Amino acid sequence: MKRVESGIVIGTLACLLLAAGCKPKSAPAASGGGGGGAVQVVAIPVRQKPVVEVVPLVGSIAPNEFIEVKCEADGLVAEIGFEEGQRVAKGSLLVALDESKFAASLHEAEANQKLAGANFARARQLAEAKLISQQEFEQTAAAFTMNEATVELRRRQLRDARVLAPFAGTVGARQVSAGQVISRNSILTTLVDLDTVKVEMNIPERHLGQIKTGQKIRFRVDAFPKDPFEGEVYFIAPQLEANTRTALVKARVPNPDGRLRGGMFAKLDLSIQLRENALVIPEPALLSNGDQISVFVVTAQTNVVLRPIRTGIRLAGKVEVVSGLTNGETVVVEGHQKLFPGAPVRFGPAASSAPYLD
C-alpha cells in the first residue's frame, strides 16, 4: 500500500514540473530605439550666421612718445620750471642752467670774430693789390671762417643751457634740485605723451597674412576690467623674429582721459577673419570618436543618419561647420544616448529647443 502512495506522489510532482517547463516565456518590453518606438530628441536646424575668428593675445601698452630729459651741457642748475606730474606744452622751460659762463664764452667768440673779420677785409684788399701772397690771404680767410663757426657753437651752448620740452606731455618725477651741478649725462626728469598710446603685440606667423593696417582691435586692461578699449593697426614689422616666428604689430589707441599708462598689459581679442554666411550648430550636437567628429542628422522620414563633419571656429556654445552639412538640415543636440543610424525619432517640446536658438 505504501509503494502505491509513493508512486502517486512522484507522478504528481513530475506532472507539475512538466507543466512549469512548457509554460510560454513573456516577451521583453520594447526599448525606445530598438522596438519600433521613436526616440524623443531635441533637434535644431543648421543656421547661417556671420562668424569672426578671434585670436586671444597679450600686448603691452607704450606711450606715444617717451624721453628721459637730459641737458646737453654741464653746469649749475639755476631754475626748475615744472612741477612733478605737470602737463606742459611744447617749448615750455623745464630746467635752466646758470648762463653766465656760456654768455662770457659767446662774447669772447664774438670779439675774436670781429677782429678776424677786420683782418680778412684788409687781407682781401692787399691781395687784390698783389701786396700779399695768396697763401697769406687764404690763412686769413680760414681764420675768419673758424671764428664764425666758434660764435655759432657758443650761441648753441648758450641755448643748451635752457632745456625745453620737445613735445607736449606730462612731466615725471624730478631728479635734480636748484643749485645742483649736473653733467650732460644727468637725467633731469621724464616726459611722456599719453594723449595717444600704442599697443604692441607679437602676431604668430600663421595669422600674419590676415592682419592689415587700418584693422580694428579691442582689448582690456586689469586696471579697468569692465571698460573695453579700441585701437587701429598702423604698423606691421617687415621682418619676423627668428626665435619666435612672430611679427611685431602696433596699434594706436586714443587716450584723452589718460587712463592708459605705459607698461600696462593689454588682453586682446584680435579679429582676423570674418565669414558672413558660415554654417553654425550648437556644440552639444557634436559626437567625437578619436579625430572624427560626427552629428546625427534628422531626415525627412524622421529617422537619423550619422554624418561626419569638419568644424571650424569654436564660439560660445556653438561651432562653425566647414563641411558635411547644408543650411536648413536638422541635427540632434539632446538624446544621443539611445540613437543609432536609422533610428526613428520624435521631437521634444518646443520649449526644450529654446536654449539653442539664441
Foldseek 3Di string as FASTA:
>chain_A
DVVVVVVVVVVVVVVVVVVVVPDDDDDDDADCFPRPHAAAFAKDFWFWAKDWAWDKFKWFKAFPDKDQFFFQFWAAWADAQDDAFDWDAFFGWGTAGPLVVLVVQLVVLVVQLVVLVVVLVVLVVCVVVVNDDPVVNVVSVVSNVVSVVSNVVSVVVSVSRTGTHNHTFTWHDADDDGGDTDGRPDGGTMGTHHQKMKIKTWAAQVLVVLDDFQAKKWWAFPVCRVDIFMWTWHDWDPDADPVRNTIITMTMTGDNPSPDDGGTMITITGGRDMDGTFIKFFPLQWDDDPPWIWWWWQDPQQATAIWTFDWDDDDVRMTTTPDTDDGGIMTTNDDPPSHDGGTHHDYDDPVVNVVGPD
